[in-house]
Amino acid sequence: MAPCPVDVLRSNEVPVSAQSLPTFLVATGEQQELLDQFQRRRLHFSEGYHRNKALCFSARAFQKTHPSRDIQGKRDADVTLATPVLLGICDGVSQIEDLGLDSSELPRELLQSCENLAASQLMQKGCSDSYQGPISLLKEAYEDTSSLGSTSVLLAVMDNTTQIHGKLHPMVGVVTLGDCELVMLRRTNGLQHPLQVVLHTEKQRIAGNKQTPLQLARMDSETDPDFEEEAALDAIERGTGLHCMSTNEGDVLIMGSDGLFDNLFLQEVVAICNQLLQPSTTSSFSPASSEQLEDLARCLVQMAHTKSGGSAHATPVGFGGKADDTSVVVAEVVEWTPRCESWARCHRAKRKSNWMDMFSCASSPCIQEEDSANESDDERQASSCTIS
């Protein structure tokens, strides 16, 4: 495992304890009145990309309960998803626990539903389902869930269906509701130069309060008398931020819960990425290994926890940071590989045999024989479960 080599920004102020504050459940009526001010619909299109080949994500995720919350026995409500065509983070609202509910249940079921839809809409040739964009995918996924709860959600979809002038033009569709964030990095000056920011999504917080992000919820009438499922679908339709971005081989995506971006400045995130993902020494692209991606995800989480450890580190939310569970998904855009098809086959086989197994922890493998002589390295990497 690579060390985390980047120093955090420091201050000479007196040490301040990290804040450990719950995320509050926002009432349906309160949120509905504010949705339109958060809506974003942005197309980031580049005609400079002309290679006619499909792309996918090579991705790894890492999450960790903050040590101060772990001591208190607090449940980690973050859930991550890392597949060749879909990345996701859901950050469950911790106040749900006060109602006797599992705050991770809706996030987990929602991302599972998103993954099922991605496998059917983005992977299977000749499938009757048609991909209509990340907002439609999220709405359909929500309708397939039944768990009570509330969560922020962030998805990134690899769309290989777009064509410009008759040529394939891969796009990444990003949809966000709440305060998880995505940063896309690119070596804009060439493969031998550092990564630079080409896209950074915005937090969606009511009145800027770090305890009240926009949320996707399902409540019973006793908890929230105003709740109706149509209100949740309306939140997706009217309140989400949507970014559609032209993508290139070698682009790097960093997705993080608020535990990451409340404690690390953007320049720190970029610096860590450039330290662990060094520029190429040649003019040809060489993808990062899965180990490099996992090391980067782990390093970002560790650095966020270091800065919120009660010292005088400057953070985006003030000195001392915010003690919070932290989840990160790191992905690199690469050429479509056999791993993508292997993931889809593994996913379909597992769902057919026992779809409930998909709720196991990330370290549990999809069932595959160790002595499969014909299995490639890509297929073995694709066999790991994707939700954690």
Foldseek 3Di string as FASTA:
>chain_A
DDAQPDDFFFDPDFFFAFAADFFDDDFLVVLLVPQQVQEADAEADDPPDFDQFAKWKDKDKDWDAQPVVVVVVQDFQWKWFDARFKTKIKGFGRCVVVVVFDRNVLVLQLVLLLVVVCLQAPPDPPHPDHDDADLVSSLVSNVPDDDFGKIWMKMWGWDQPDDDPNGTFIKIKIKTFAAKKKWKWDQVVALQHATDTPDIDHGAADVPDPSGTGIQGDDDCVVHVPDDNVSSSVSSVRRMYIYIHGDDAFMKMKIKGCLQQQQHPPVSLSVSCCVLPPGDPDRDDDDDDSVSNNVSNVSSNVNSSVQLRRGQGQGNNGGNTHNGIMMMMMIGMHTDDVLNVLLSVLQVVQCVVPVVVLSDDQADWRDDDPPPVPADPSNVVSRTRTMD
